[in-house]
Amino acid sequence: MILFRTEAAVERTLELIADWPIAFPVLYEPDIRSAKLARFPYRVEYVVASNVVVVAHAKPQPRYCRRVP
């Protein structure tokens, strides 16, 4: 059941990003933005002009995304 709620939260967040890509704050340079998932300790990190999306846990190792090419 939690998996379905988590999946729904990810899908909703991706819809918000698709509708308003620059509405979320820049978390890291260069222009890596972050959108928090509602009711879960995760966030979606993205670059507006990219086709790569990272879903990251909000607490441990907050800068691991910098290693992603």
N, C-alpha and C. Protein backbone atom coordinates (compact mmCIF):
# COMPACT_ATOMS: atom_id res chain seq x y z
N MET A 1 0.82 -1.20 0.00
CA MET A 1 0.00 0.00 0.00
C MET A 1 0.87 1.26 0.00
N ILE A 2 1.94 1.25 0.81
CA ILE A 2 2.83 2.42 0.85
C ILE A 2 3.49 2.63 -0.49
N LEU A 3 3.83 1.54 -1.18
CA LEU A 3 4.46 1.66 -2.49
C LEU A 3 3.55 2.43 -3.45
N PHE A 4 2.26 2.12 -3.42
CA PHE A 4 1.32 2.81 -4.31
C PHE A 4 1.21 4.29 -3.96
N ARG A 5 1.22 4.62 -2.66
CA ARG A 5 1.16 6.02 -2.25
C ARG A 5 2.43 6.76 -2.64
N THR A 6 3.57 6.08 -2.48
CA THR A 6 4.83 6.70 -2.87
C THR A 6 4.87 6.93 -4.37
N GLU A 7 4.45 5.93 -5.13
CA GLU A 7 4.42 6.06 -6.59
C GLU A 7 3.49 7.20 -7.02
N ALA A 8 2.35 7.31 -6.36
CA ALA A 8 1.41 8.38 -6.69
C ALA A 8 2.01 9.75 -6.36
N ALA A 9 2.75 9.84 -5.26
CA ALA A 9 3.39 11.10 -4.89
C ALA A 9 4.47 11.47 -5.90
N VAL A 10 5.23 10.49 -6.38
CA VAL A 10 6.26 10.75 -7.40
C VAL A 10 5.59 11.22 -8.68
N GLU A 11 4.54 10.53 -9.10
CA GLU A 11 3.85 10.92 -10.33
C GLU A 11 3.28 12.33 -10.23
N ARG A 12 2.69 12.66 -9.10
CA ARG A 12 2.12 14.00 -8.91
C ARG A 12 3.22 15.06 -8.95
N THR A 13 4.34 14.77 -8.31
CA THR A 13 5.46 15.72 -8.32
C THR A 13 6.01 15.91 -9.72
N LEU A 14 6.11 14.82 -10.49
CA LEU A 14 6.58 14.93 -11.88
C LEU A 14 5.60 15.74 -12.73
N GLU A 15 4.31 15.60 -12.46
CA GLU A 15 3.32 16.41 -13.17
C GLU A 15 3.50 17.89 -12.85
N LEU A 16 3.74 18.20 -11.57
CA LEU A 16 3.96 19.60 -11.18
C LEU A 16 5.21 20.16 -11.85
N ILE A 17 6.28 19.35 -11.89
CA ILE A 17 7.52 19.78 -12.54
C ILE A 17 7.27 20.02 -14.03
N ALA A 18 6.53 19.12 -14.67
CA ALA A 18 6.24 19.28 -16.10
C ALA A 18 5.43 20.55 -16.37
N ASP A 19 4.50 20.86 -15.47
CA ASP A 19 3.65 22.05 -15.66
C ASP A 19 4.38 23.35 -15.33
N TRP A 20 5.20 23.34 -14.27
CA TRP A 20 5.90 24.54 -13.81
C TRP A 20 7.36 24.21 -13.49
N PRO A 21 8.18 23.98 -14.50
CA PRO A 21 9.54 23.50 -14.27
C PRO A 21 10.45 24.47 -13.51
N ILE A 22 10.21 25.77 -13.61
CA ILE A 22 11.09 26.69 -12.89
C ILE A 22 10.49 27.18 -11.57
N ALA A 23 9.41 26.57 -11.13
CA ALA A 23 8.75 26.97 -9.89
C ALA A 23 9.48 26.47 -8.65
N PHE A 24 10.31 25.47 -8.78
CA PHE A 24 10.98 24.88 -7.63
C PHE A 24 12.38 25.47 -7.47
N PRO A 25 12.89 25.50 -6.23
CA PRO A 25 14.17 26.18 -5.99
C PRO A 25 15.38 25.43 -6.55
N VAL A 26 16.42 26.21 -6.86
CA VAL A 26 17.70 25.63 -7.27
C VAL A 26 18.38 25.12 -6.00
N LEU A 27 18.71 23.83 -5.98
CA LEU A 27 19.33 23.22 -4.81
C LEU A 27 20.85 23.27 -4.92
N TYR A 28 21.37 22.95 -6.09
CA TYR A 28 22.81 22.96 -6.36
C TYR A 28 23.04 23.67 -7.68
N GLU A 29 24.23 24.19 -7.83
CA GLU A 29 24.62 24.75 -9.12
C GLU A 29 25.24 23.64 -9.94
N PRO A 30 25.10 23.57 -11.21
CA PRO A 30 24.42 24.53 -12.07
C PRO A 30 22.96 24.15 -12.29
N ASP A 31 22.07 24.87 -11.73
CA ASP A 31 20.63 24.78 -11.98
C ASP A 31 19.99 23.42 -11.70
N ILE A 32 20.47 22.71 -10.68
CA ILE A 32 19.80 21.47 -10.26
C ILE A 32 18.70 21.88 -9.29
N ARG A 33 17.47 21.65 -9.69
CA ARG A 33 16.31 22.04 -8.89
C ARG A 33 15.80 20.85 -8.07
N SER A 34 15.03 21.16 -7.03
CA SER A 34 14.54 20.12 -6.13
C SER A 34 13.08 20.35 -5.79
N ALA A 35 12.28 19.29 -5.92
CA ALA A 35 10.87 19.33 -5.56
C ALA A 35 10.61 18.23 -4.54
N LYS A 36 10.09 18.60 -3.38
CA LYS A 36 9.82 17.62 -2.32
C LYS A 36 8.54 16.85 -2.62
N LEU A 37 8.55 15.56 -2.25
CA LEU A 37 7.34 14.75 -2.37
C LEU A 37 6.46 15.03 -1.16
N ALA A 38 5.18 15.13 -1.40
CA ALA A 38 4.24 15.34 -0.30
C ALA A 38 4.19 14.09 0.57
N ARG A 39 4.33 14.26 1.87
CA ARG A 39 4.19 13.21 2.89
C ARG A 39 5.25 12.12 2.87
N PHE A 40 6.33 12.30 2.15
CA PHE A 40 7.40 11.31 2.11
C PHE A 40 8.74 12.02 2.19
N PRO A 41 9.76 11.37 2.78
CA PRO A 41 11.07 12.02 2.92
C PRO A 41 11.93 11.90 1.67
N TYR A 42 11.34 12.17 0.54
CA TYR A 42 12.06 12.10 -0.73
C TYR A 42 11.87 13.39 -1.50
N ARG A 43 12.76 13.60 -2.46
CA ARG A 43 12.62 14.75 -3.35
C ARG A 43 13.01 14.32 -4.75
N VAL A 44 12.54 15.04 -5.72
CA VAL A 44 12.92 14.83 -7.12
C VAL A 44 13.89 15.95 -7.47
N GLU A 45 15.06 15.58 -7.93
CA GLU A 45 16.05 16.57 -8.36
C GLU A 45 16.11 16.52 -9.87
N TYR A 46 16.15 17.69 -10.49
CA TYR A 46 16.09 17.73 -11.95
C TYR A 46 16.76 18.99 -12.49
N VAL A 47 17.08 18.94 -13.76
CA VAL A 47 17.56 20.09 -14.51
C VAL A 47 16.53 20.35 -15.59
N VAL A 48 16.13 21.58 -15.77
CA VAL A 48 15.03 21.90 -16.68
C VAL A 48 15.29 21.40 -18.10
N ALA A 49 16.48 21.53 -18.62
CA ALA A 49 16.77 21.15 -20.01
C ALA A 49 17.33 19.74 -20.12
N SER A 50 17.01 18.88 -19.19
CA SER A 50 17.59 17.54 -19.16
C SER A 50 16.49 16.49 -19.21
N ASN A 51 16.85 15.29 -19.64
CA ASN A 51 15.90 14.18 -19.62
C ASN A 51 16.23 13.21 -18.49
N VAL A 52 17.08 13.62 -17.55
CA VAL A 52 17.45 12.80 -16.41
C VAL A 52 16.71 13.30 -15.18
N VAL A 53 16.06 12.39 -14.46
CA VAL A 53 15.37 12.72 -13.22
C VAL A 53 15.91 11.82 -12.13
N VAL A 54 16.22 12.38 -10.96
CA VAL A 54 16.74 11.62 -9.83
C VAL A 54 15.74 11.75 -8.69
N VAL A 55 15.35 10.63 -8.10
CA VAL A 55 14.52 10.64 -6.90
C VAL A 55 15.45 10.29 -5.76
N ALA A 56 15.61 11.21 -4.80
CA ALA A 56 16.59 11.04 -3.74
C ALA A 56 15.93 11.11 -2.38
N HIS A 57 16.47 10.35 -1.42
CA HIS A 57 16.01 10.45 -0.04
C HIS A 57 16.45 11.81 0.47
N ALA A 58 15.61 12.46 1.24
CA ALA A 58 15.87 13.82 1.66
C ALA A 58 16.92 13.94 2.76
N LYS A 59 17.25 12.87 3.47
CA LYS A 59 18.16 12.98 4.61
C LYS A 59 19.60 12.55 4.32
N PRO A 60 19.88 11.30 3.99
CA PRO A 60 21.29 10.90 3.89
C PRO A 60 21.95 11.40 2.61
N GLN A 61 23.19 11.74 2.70
CA GLN A 61 24.03 12.14 1.57
C GLN A 61 23.31 13.08 0.61
N PRO A 62 22.99 14.28 1.05
CA PRO A 62 22.20 15.17 0.21
C PRO A 62 22.89 15.63 -1.07
N ARG A 63 24.21 15.42 -1.21
CA ARG A 63 24.91 15.89 -2.40
C ARG A 63 25.38 14.76 -3.31
N TYR A 64 24.88 13.54 -3.12
CA TYR A 64 25.35 12.44 -3.96
C TYR A 64 24.99 12.66 -5.43
N CYS A 65 23.98 13.44 -5.68
CA CYS A 65 23.53 13.69 -7.05
C CYS A 65 24.62 14.36 -7.89
N ARG A 66 25.55 15.02 -7.27
CA ARG A 66 26.62 15.68 -8.01
C ARG A 66 27.49 14.68 -8.76
N ARG A 67 27.49 13.42 -8.33
CA ARG A 67 28.31 12.40 -8.99
C ARG A 67 27.65 11.84 -10.23
N VAL A 68 26.37 12.13 -10.43
CA VAL A 68 25.66 11.61 -11.59
C VAL A 68 26.10 12.39 -12.83
N PRO A 69 26.54 11.70 -13.89
CA PRO A 69 27.01 12.43 -15.08
C PRO A 69 25.88 13.15 -15.80
